[in-house]
Amino acid sequence: MRILRRLLLVCAVALLPVAVAQADEVQGITNNTILIGAFGPITGPAAFIGLGGRDGMNLAAKEINDAGGINGRKIKVDFEDDAFSPAKALAAVKKLVDQDQVFLLFNVAGSNSTIGTIDFVKQRKIAMYVSIASAPQVTKPFNRYMFRGGTNETARYGEVYSEFLTQFLLADKIAIISGRDEYAKNEGDALTRMLKSWYDVTPVTRQEFNVGDKDFTAQLLAIKGASPQVMAIDANPAEGAIIIRQARDLGITATIFGGGTMLDQSVPGNARFAAEGLTSMLNVPLPFGSKEPDMVKWEAAWHAAYPSMPVGRPNNFDLLAYTDMYALAEGLKRAGHDLDTDKLIDALETLKDYRISAIASPRTFTPKYHIGNFLLQPMVVLNGHWVPLRWTPSHPSEILKAYE
């Protein structure tokens, strides 16, 4: 009996360091690497979002690693395609978390995919940094594990769009045509709500369509019959360009405004002369082709990394994901070498007006809200290219009142 007790004691002492070592391990963290799980659509109708997001993110990760990494560790990224599907996005996130054992999630998906992952992320208490999706569920209600970076809140789009249409374009007869997918529907809803709330304007008609539609004649004839001064389109670039062409072919002369995703060079490229005068909103400080030194430097680095890309790249999603990866890296750096999820979140909540350079909008997170960016600035198509408009919203945002 005495011998048995001694053997058990020796075994317990021998196993103690192993147990302690296992307790100290953090999923996705080694002495040399930080494993990040990323996902977005690189196939399907919104591949332009995920391809841009993936490539911008990877460029930033490479630069960070080439500069020495973060507190002695290099970033490693596992990427999964969600094909713009909530179900596939959830499957991708489950694989990244449970099979690949990532430390955190970096989301370059659209809103349609993102909503499929939110409940799982909250339940598993893993940090998810959302770069592109504007879905309200990311930040409302507030959740400690969810961060929205460079893209704007859907509510912010509604605030700025409604002010721009009524106060700059001086319209009170506004028609809206929006997709039924999560992003487009949310944006159309937000515009409708803020037009009424702030300016007592009700759209003269609201028309809807499905992603992938090619013929919008019925919706556009209804819009034409309502005689709007402005037609607002909430759509992905492919559908948006077709709507613009068909609207002009049907004799609709209203000024056309496009939601943020339509601020893509493919829209004037495909709609051609019909897109002249199209306005939209940019959520980064500088347009592509700007002669500002930081943008010139970034575009040169991007083209060196991706020399064979099609016309229209880099796009806004390249830039959002690139600058958001740097914001995330800054949080990881501030969290210190003894990294865990709580330390990362606490560190991200110290970021105030952080940006890697003039190409990025300032990112701010606090313990009360994780809404990184409020910047939106108008652009217009002239001679086939997007150029800035001199206008700044003046109406105070009401979004942060919910977090006070």
Protein backbone atom coordinates (compact mmCIF):
# COMPACT_ATOMS: atom_id res chain seq x y z
CA MET A 1 0.00 0.00 0.00
CA ARG A 2 2.85 2.37 0.91
CA ILE A 3 4.55 1.55 -2.39
CA LEU A 4 1.33 2.22 -4.31
CA ARG A 5 0.92 5.62 -2.65
CA ARG A 6 4.51 6.51 -3.52
CA LEU A 7 3.97 5.48 -7.14
CA LEU A 8 0.81 7.57 -7.39
CA LEU A 9 2.60 10.56 -5.88
CA VAL A 10 5.50 10.23 -8.32
CA CYS A 11 3.08 9.94 -11.25
CA ALA A 12 1.11 13.00 -10.11
CA VAL A 13 4.28 15.06 -9.77
CA ALA A 14 5.52 13.86 -13.16
CA LEU A 15 2.23 14.78 -14.85
CA LEU A 16 1.97 18.22 -13.22
CA PRO A 17 4.24 20.11 -15.67
CA VAL A 18 2.32 18.59 -18.59
CA ALA A 19 -1.02 19.67 -17.14
CA VAL A 20 0.27 23.18 -16.49
CA ALA A 21 1.74 23.40 -19.98
CA GLN A 22 -1.57 22.37 -21.53
CA ALA A 23 -3.49 24.90 -19.41
CA ASP A 24 -1.16 27.66 -20.61
CA GLU A 25 -1.57 26.83 -24.30
CA VAL A 26 -3.68 29.21 -26.39
CA GLN A 27 -5.33 27.87 -29.53
CA GLY A 28 -3.60 29.13 -32.68
CA ILE A 29 -0.57 30.55 -30.86
CA THR A 30 2.89 29.00 -30.94
CA ASN A 31 6.28 30.43 -30.05
CA ASN A 32 6.70 31.46 -33.67
CA THR A 33 3.26 31.96 -35.23
CA ILE A 34 -0.19 33.48 -34.83
CA LEU A 35 -2.72 31.48 -36.86
CA ILE A 36 -5.56 33.60 -38.25
CA GLY A 37 -8.61 32.09 -39.92
CA ALA A 38 -10.01 34.17 -42.78
CA PHE A 39 -13.03 33.67 -45.00
CA GLY A 40 -14.90 35.38 -47.81
CA PRO A 41 -16.40 34.68 -51.25
CA ILE A 42 -13.83 33.87 -53.94
CA THR A 43 -16.44 32.05 -56.02
CA GLY A 44 -20.07 32.94 -56.69
CA PRO A 45 -21.79 36.27 -57.42
CA ALA A 46 -19.77 38.28 -54.89
CA ALA A 47 -16.29 36.91 -55.63
CA PHE A 48 -15.08 40.47 -56.25
CA ILE A 49 -15.48 41.07 -52.49
CA GLY A 50 -13.56 38.05 -51.26
CA LEU A 51 -10.82 38.16 -53.89
CA GLY A 52 -10.07 41.78 -53.06
CA GLY A 53 -10.33 41.15 -49.34
CA ARG A 54 -8.09 38.08 -49.46
CA ASP A 55 -5.40 39.74 -51.58
CA GLY A 56 -5.33 42.97 -49.57
CA MET A 57 -5.15 41.01 -46.32
CA ASN A 58 -2.34 38.77 -47.62
CA LEU A 59 -0.31 41.72 -48.85
CA ALA A 60 -0.45 43.34 -45.41
CA ALA A 61 0.39 40.05 -43.67
CA LYS A 62 3.44 39.57 -45.90
CA GLU A 63 4.66 43.11 -45.21
CA ILE A 64 4.18 42.66 -41.46
CA ASN A 65 6.05 39.34 -41.50
CA ASP A 66 8.85 40.75 -43.67
CA ALA A 67 9.25 43.55 -41.11
CA GLY A 68 9.79 41.04 -38.29
CA GLY A 69 6.26 39.97 -37.39
CA ILE A 70 4.48 40.74 -34.13
CA ASN A 71 6.31 40.38 -30.83
CA GLY A 72 8.55 37.69 -32.28
CA ARG A 73 5.79 35.79 -34.11
CA LYS A 74 4.84 35.63 -37.78
CA ILE A 75 1.26 35.78 -39.04
CA LYS A 76 -0.07 32.67 -40.76
CA VAL A 77 -3.45 32.81 -42.51
CA ASP A 78 -5.76 29.91 -43.35
CA PHE A 79 -8.41 31.03 -45.86
CA GLU A 80 -11.79 29.45 -46.67
CA ASP A 81 -14.21 30.29 -49.52
CA ASP A 82 -17.79 30.96 -48.38
CA ALA A 83 -19.24 31.41 -51.92
CA PHE A 84 -21.51 34.22 -50.62
CA SER A 85 -23.59 31.67 -48.69
CA PRO A 86 -24.50 31.92 -44.97
CA ALA A 87 -24.46 28.11 -44.64
CA LYS A 88 -21.07 27.75 -46.35
CA ALA A 89 -19.69 30.61 -44.27
CA LEU A 90 -20.75 28.86 -41.09
CA ALA A 91 -19.16 25.61 -42.27
CA ALA A 92 -15.97 27.50 -43.13
CA VAL A 93 -15.82 29.15 -39.71
CA LYS A 94 -16.45 25.87 -37.90
CA LYS A 95 -13.60 24.28 -39.86
CA LEU A 96 -11.25 27.15 -39.10
CA VAL A 97 -12.05 27.13 -35.38
CA ASP A 98 -12.45 23.41 -34.66
CA GLN A 99 -10.22 21.74 -37.23
CA ASP A 100 -7.56 24.31 -38.10
CA GLN A 101 -7.54 25.62 -34.50
CA VAL A 102 -7.13 29.30 -35.41
CA PHE A 103 -6.59 31.99 -32.77
CA LEU A 104 -9.01 34.53 -34.28
CA LEU A 105 -11.14 35.17 -37.35
CA PHE A 106 -10.56 37.83 -39.99
CA ASN A 107 -13.74 38.30 -42.01
CA VAL A 108 -13.54 39.56 -45.60
CA ALA A 109 -17.03 38.29 -46.44
CA GLY A 110 -20.10 40.24 -47.45
CA SER A 111 -23.09 40.72 -45.17
CA ASN A 112 -24.96 37.79 -46.73
CA SER A 113 -22.29 35.33 -45.58
CA THR A 114 -21.42 37.04 -42.33
CA ILE A 115 -24.86 36.69 -40.75
CA GLY A 116 -24.49 32.92 -40.91
CA THR A 117 -21.47 32.98 -38.59
CA ILE A 118 -22.35 35.48 -35.87
CA ASP A 119 -24.17 33.22 -33.40
CA PHE A 120 -21.41 30.58 -33.57
CA VAL A 121 -18.68 33.18 -33.00
CA LYS A 122 -20.48 34.59 -29.99
CA GLN A 123 -21.11 31.15 -28.53
CA ARG A 124 -17.48 30.09 -28.94
CA LYS A 125 -16.14 33.42 -27.66
CA ILE A 126 -13.56 33.76 -30.40
CA ALA A 127 -12.64 37.23 -31.63
CA MET A 128 -13.83 38.09 -35.15
CA TYR A 129 -12.59 41.21 -36.94
CA VAL A 130 -15.00 42.14 -39.74
CA SER A 131 -13.44 44.21 -42.50
CA ILE A 132 -16.13 44.46 -45.20
CA ALA A 133 -19.62 43.38 -44.07
CA SER A 134 -21.97 46.18 -42.97
CA ALA A 135 -24.62 43.82 -41.50
CA PRO A 136 -26.08 45.47 -38.36
CA GLN A 137 -25.82 42.21 -36.38
CA VAL A 138 -22.01 42.53 -36.26
CA THR A 139 -22.10 45.38 -33.76
CA LYS A 140 -25.71 45.60 -32.58
CA PRO A 141 -26.31 44.47 -29.96
CA PHE A 142 -22.79 45.04 -28.68
CA ASN A 143 -20.72 41.90 -28.23
CA ARG A 144 -17.21 41.86 -26.84
CA TYR A 145 -15.92 39.43 -29.46
CA MET A 146 -17.13 41.25 -32.61
CA PHE A 147 -15.28 44.16 -34.27
CA ARG A 148 -16.16 46.10 -37.43
CA GLY A 149 -13.20 47.78 -39.09
CA GLY A 150 -13.06 49.87 -42.26
CA THR A 151 -16.56 49.40 -43.57
CA ASN A 152 -19.41 51.44 -42.16
CA GLU A 153 -22.49 50.55 -40.16
CA THR A 154 -25.56 50.07 -42.32
CA ALA A 155 -27.16 52.83 -40.23
CA ARG A 156 -24.32 55.19 -41.14
CA TYR A 157 -24.93 54.57 -44.83
CA GLY A 158 -28.56 55.51 -44.25
CA GLU A 159 -27.59 58.71 -42.43
CA VAL A 160 -25.10 59.95 -45.02
CA TYR A 161 -27.01 58.81 -48.10
CA SER A 162 -30.20 60.53 -46.94
CA GLU A 163 -28.37 63.77 -46.19
CA PHE A 164 -26.54 63.71 -49.53
CA LEU A 165 -29.66 63.03 -51.59
CA THR A 166 -31.83 65.65 -49.90
CA GLN A 167 -29.35 68.37 -48.97
CA PHE A 168 -26.78 68.18 -51.77
CA LEU A 169 -28.82 66.78 -54.67
CA LEU A 170 -31.89 68.65 -53.34
CA ALA A 171 -34.22 65.76 -54.06
CA ASP A 172 -37.53 65.04 -52.37
CA LYS A 173 -38.76 62.50 -54.92
CA ILE A 174 -36.50 59.49 -54.51
CA ALA A 175 -36.94 55.97 -55.87
CA ILE A 176 -35.04 53.01 -54.45
CA ILE A 177 -34.20 49.75 -56.18
CA SER A 178 -32.38 47.22 -54.01
CA GLY A 179 -31.37 43.59 -54.03
CA ARG A 180 -32.96 41.05 -51.70
CA ASP A 181 -29.55 39.90 -50.42
CA GLU A 182 -28.55 40.95 -46.90
CA TYR A 183 -26.30 43.90 -47.81
CA ALA A 184 -28.54 45.51 -50.41
CA LYS A 185 -31.76 45.05 -48.47
CA ASN A 186 -30.21 46.45 -45.27
CA GLU A 187 -28.85 49.47 -47.11
CA GLY A 188 -32.18 50.17 -48.81
CA ASP A 189 -33.98 49.82 -45.48
CA ALA A 190 -31.54 52.20 -43.78
CA LEU A 191 -31.94 54.82 -46.50
CA THR A 192 -35.73 54.54 -46.37
CA ARG A 193 -35.72 54.88 -42.58
CA MET A 194 -33.36 57.89 -42.41
CA LEU A 195 -35.08 59.76 -45.24
CA LYS A 196 -38.25 59.66 -43.17
CA SER A 197 -36.65 60.21 -39.77
CA TRP A 198 -34.43 63.15 -40.66
CA TYR A 199 -36.11 64.77 -43.66
CA ASP A 200 -39.74 63.52 -43.66
CA VAL A 201 -39.25 62.08 -47.15
CA THR A 202 -40.90 58.83 -48.21
CA PRO A 203 -39.55 57.11 -51.36
CA VAL A 204 -41.92 57.43 -54.30
CA THR A 205 -41.39 53.68 -54.92
CA ARG A 206 -39.25 50.83 -53.60
CA GLN A 207 -38.41 48.02 -56.03
CA GLU A 208 -36.47 44.79 -55.37
CA PHE A 209 -34.57 42.15 -57.36
CA ASN A 210 -32.49 39.00 -56.83
CA VAL A 211 -28.72 38.65 -57.13
CA GLY A 212 -27.99 37.34 -60.61
CA ASP A 213 -31.00 38.95 -62.30
CA LYS A 214 -30.35 40.36 -65.77
CA ASP A 215 -33.68 41.96 -66.74
CA PHE A 216 -34.96 44.82 -64.57
CA THR A 217 -37.57 46.15 -66.98
CA ALA A 218 -40.58 45.68 -64.69
CA GLN A 219 -38.93 47.42 -61.74
CA LEU A 220 -37.58 50.24 -63.88
CA LEU A 221 -40.93 50.90 -65.56
CA ALA A 222 -42.47 51.25 -62.10
CA ILE A 223 -39.73 53.71 -61.21
CA LYS A 224 -40.20 55.64 -64.44
CA GLY A 225 -43.91 55.94 -63.71
CA ALA A 226 -43.12 57.50 -60.30
CA SER A 227 -41.07 60.30 -61.95
CA PRO A 228 -38.27 60.48 -59.33
CA GLN A 229 -35.59 63.14 -59.25
CA VAL A 230 -33.09 60.58 -57.95
CA MET A 231 -32.94 56.81 -58.35
CA ALA A 232 -30.91 55.09 -55.61
CA ILE A 233 -29.52 51.66 -56.47
CA ASP A 234 -28.37 49.26 -53.73
CA ALA A 235 -26.72 46.47 -55.67
CA ASN A 236 -23.51 44.62 -56.40
CA PRO A 237 -21.54 46.04 -59.35
CA ALA A 238 -22.70 43.44 -61.90
CA GLU A 239 -26.42 44.06 -61.36
CA GLY A 240 -25.87 47.77 -60.74
CA ALA A 241 -24.23 48.35 -64.13
CA ILE A 242 -27.07 46.54 -65.93
CA ILE A 243 -29.71 48.55 -64.05
CA ILE A 244 -28.01 51.81 -65.05
CA ARG A 245 -27.87 50.86 -68.74
CA GLN A 246 -31.45 49.62 -68.84
CA ALA A 247 -32.69 52.70 -66.95
CA ARG A 248 -31.21 55.04 -69.53
CA ASP A 249 -32.46 52.85 -72.40
CA LEU A 250 -35.98 53.11 -70.94
CA GLY A 251 -35.75 56.89 -70.84
CA ILE A 252 -35.26 57.37 -67.08
CA THR A 253 -33.51 60.72 -66.71
CA ALA A 254 -33.25 60.87 -62.90
CA THR A 255 -29.89 61.39 -61.27
CA ILE A 256 -28.53 57.97 -60.28
CA PHE A 257 -26.96 57.26 -56.90
CA GLY A 258 -25.31 53.92 -56.15
CA GLY A 259 -24.69 52.26 -52.80
CA GLY A 260 -21.14 51.81 -51.56
CA THR A 261 -20.49 48.44 -53.21
CA MET A 262 -21.13 50.03 -56.60
CA LEU A 263 -18.13 52.29 -56.14
CA ASP A 264 -16.10 50.00 -58.34
CA GLN A 265 -14.36 50.76 -61.62
CA SER A 266 -16.24 47.89 -63.26
CA VAL A 267 -19.49 49.88 -63.03
CA PRO A 268 -18.52 52.75 -65.38
CA GLY A 269 -16.50 50.20 -67.35
CA ASN A 270 -19.60 48.10 -68.04
CA ALA A 271 -22.30 50.79 -68.05
CA ARG A 272 -20.11 53.11 -70.10
CA PHE A 273 -21.69 56.47 -71.01
CA ALA A 274 -24.86 55.61 -69.09
CA ALA A 275 -22.82 55.81 -65.87
CA GLU A 276 -21.76 59.43 -66.39
CA GLY A 277 -22.87 61.48 -63.38
CA LEU A 278 -23.38 58.39 -61.19
CA THR A 279 -22.63 59.22 -57.55
CA SER A 280 -21.71 56.97 -54.63
CA MET A 281 -19.82 56.97 -51.33
CA LEU A 282 -16.23 55.93 -50.58
CA ASN A 283 -15.26 54.72 -47.09
CA VAL A 284 -11.52 55.29 -47.47
CA PRO A 285 -9.87 58.74 -47.57
CA LEU A 286 -8.24 58.56 -51.02
CA PRO A 287 -9.52 57.33 -54.39
CA PHE A 288 -7.47 54.96 -56.51
CA GLY A 289 -5.16 56.87 -58.82
CA SER A 290 -4.64 59.63 -56.27
CA LYS A 291 -1.24 61.32 -56.49
CA GLU A 292 -0.96 61.47 -52.71
CA PRO A 293 2.40 59.78 -51.93
CA ASP A 294 1.01 57.10 -49.61
CA MET A 295 -1.53 55.98 -52.23
CA VAL A 296 1.08 55.99 -54.99
CA LYS A 297 3.35 53.85 -52.80
CA TRP A 298 0.56 51.43 -51.89
CA GLU A 299 -0.67 50.96 -55.45
CA ALA A 300 2.90 50.30 -56.61
CA ALA A 301 3.33 47.65 -53.89
CA TRP A 302 -0.01 46.05 -54.77
CA HIS A 303 0.78 45.85 -58.50
CA ALA A 304 4.23 44.41 -57.72
CA ALA A 305 2.59 41.69 -55.61
CA TYR A 306 -0.22 41.00 -58.11
CA PRO A 307 1.08 41.91 -61.58
CA SER A 308 -1.49 40.02 -63.68
CA MET A 309 -4.79 41.16 -62.22
CA PRO A 310 -7.73 42.27 -64.42
CA VAL A 311 -8.88 45.85 -64.91
CA GLY A 312 -10.71 47.12 -61.82
CA ARG A 313 -8.19 45.79 -59.32
CA PRO A 314 -7.16 46.79 -56.80
CA ASN A 315 -10.64 47.57 -55.60
CA ASN A 316 -12.02 49.06 -52.40
CA PHE A 317 -12.01 45.65 -50.72
CA ASP A 318 -8.28 45.19 -51.32
CA LEU A 319 -7.69 48.46 -49.52
CA LEU A 320 -10.13 47.85 -46.66
CA ALA A 321 -8.67 44.44 -45.84
CA TYR A 322 -5.09 45.68 -46.18
CA THR A 323 -5.59 48.55 -43.74
CA ASP A 324 -7.69 46.41 -41.39
CA MET A 325 -4.98 43.76 -41.18
CA TYR A 326 -2.61 46.49 -40.03
CA ALA A 327 -5.14 47.68 -37.44
CA LEU A 328 -5.52 44.11 -36.18
CA ALA A 329 -1.73 43.72 -36.10
CA GLU A 330 -1.46 46.84 -33.99
CA GLY A 331 -3.92 45.31 -31.52
CA LEU A 332 -1.91 42.07 -31.46
CA LYS A 333 1.27 44.05 -30.85
CA ARG A 334 -0.26 46.02 -27.97
CA ALA A 335 -1.59 42.80 -26.44
CA GLY A 336 1.99 41.70 -25.78
CA HIS A 337 3.82 38.39 -26.10
CA ASP A 338 1.67 36.49 -23.59
CA LEU A 339 -1.27 36.61 -25.95
CA ASP A 340 -4.84 35.43 -25.40
CA THR A 341 -8.27 36.51 -26.63
CA ASP A 342 -9.08 38.78 -23.68
CA LYS A 343 -5.73 40.57 -23.98
CA LEU A 344 -6.27 41.06 -27.73
CA ILE A 345 -9.75 42.53 -27.18
CA ASP A 346 -8.51 44.83 -24.43
CA ALA A 347 -5.68 45.99 -26.70
CA LEU A 348 -7.95 46.62 -29.70
CA GLU A 349 -10.14 48.74 -27.44
CA THR A 350 -7.18 51.12 -26.95
CA LEU A 351 -7.01 51.98 -30.66
CA LYS A 352 -8.03 55.60 -31.20
CA ASP A 353 -7.89 57.13 -34.69
CA TYR A 354 -5.33 54.49 -35.65
CA ARG A 355 -4.33 54.18 -39.29
CA ILE A 356 -1.27 52.79 -40.99
CA SER A 357 -1.02 55.79 -43.35
CA ALA A 358 -3.10 58.33 -45.25
CA ILE A 359 -4.67 55.54 -47.33
CA ALA A 360 -6.68 54.34 -44.31
CA SER A 361 -9.66 55.81 -42.52
CA PRO A 362 -9.00 56.17 -38.76
CA ARG A 363 -10.02 53.13 -36.67
CA THR A 364 -11.32 53.62 -33.12
CA PHE A 365 -12.60 50.95 -30.74
CA THR A 366 -13.66 51.37 -27.11
CA PRO A 367 -15.03 49.08 -24.39
CA LYS A 368 -18.49 50.47 -25.24
CA TYR A 369 -18.50 50.05 -29.02
CA HIS A 370 -16.52 48.25 -31.72
CA ILE A 371 -17.44 50.44 -34.71
CA GLY A 372 -14.13 51.35 -36.30
CA ASN A 373 -15.01 53.86 -39.02
CA PHE A 374 -17.56 56.60 -39.71
CA LEU A 375 -15.90 58.15 -42.79
CA LEU A 376 -17.89 58.38 -46.01
CA GLN A 377 -17.13 60.77 -48.85
CA PRO A 378 -18.95 61.26 -52.14
CA MET A 379 -17.59 60.32 -55.54
CA VAL A 380 -18.93 60.91 -59.05
CA VAL A 381 -18.25 59.30 -62.42
CA LEU A 382 -16.80 61.78 -64.90
CA ASN A 383 -15.34 60.71 -68.25
CA GLY A 384 -15.56 57.08 -67.19
CA HIS A 385 -13.67 57.43 -63.89
CA TRP A 386 -14.56 57.95 -60.25
CA VAL A 387 -13.47 61.34 -58.93
CA PRO A 388 -14.09 63.02 -55.54
CA LEU A 389 -16.94 65.44 -54.92
CA ARG A 390 -16.46 68.34 -52.52
CA TRP A 391 -19.12 67.66 -49.94
CA THR A 392 -18.99 66.62 -46.30
CA PRO A 393 -21.95 65.46 -44.20
CA SER A 394 -22.84 67.90 -41.42
CA HIS A 395 -25.74 66.20 -39.61
CA PRO A 396 -24.45 64.63 -36.36
CA SER A 397 -24.58 60.85 -36.36
CA GLU A 398 -27.01 59.23 -33.93
CA ILE A 399 -25.42 55.78 -34.01
CA LEU A 400 -23.33 55.93 -30.85
CA LYS A 401 -26.29 57.04 -28.71
CA ALA A 402 -27.28 53.38 -28.45
CA TYR A 403 -23.95 52.58 -26.78
CA GLU A 404 -23.90 55.37 -24.21
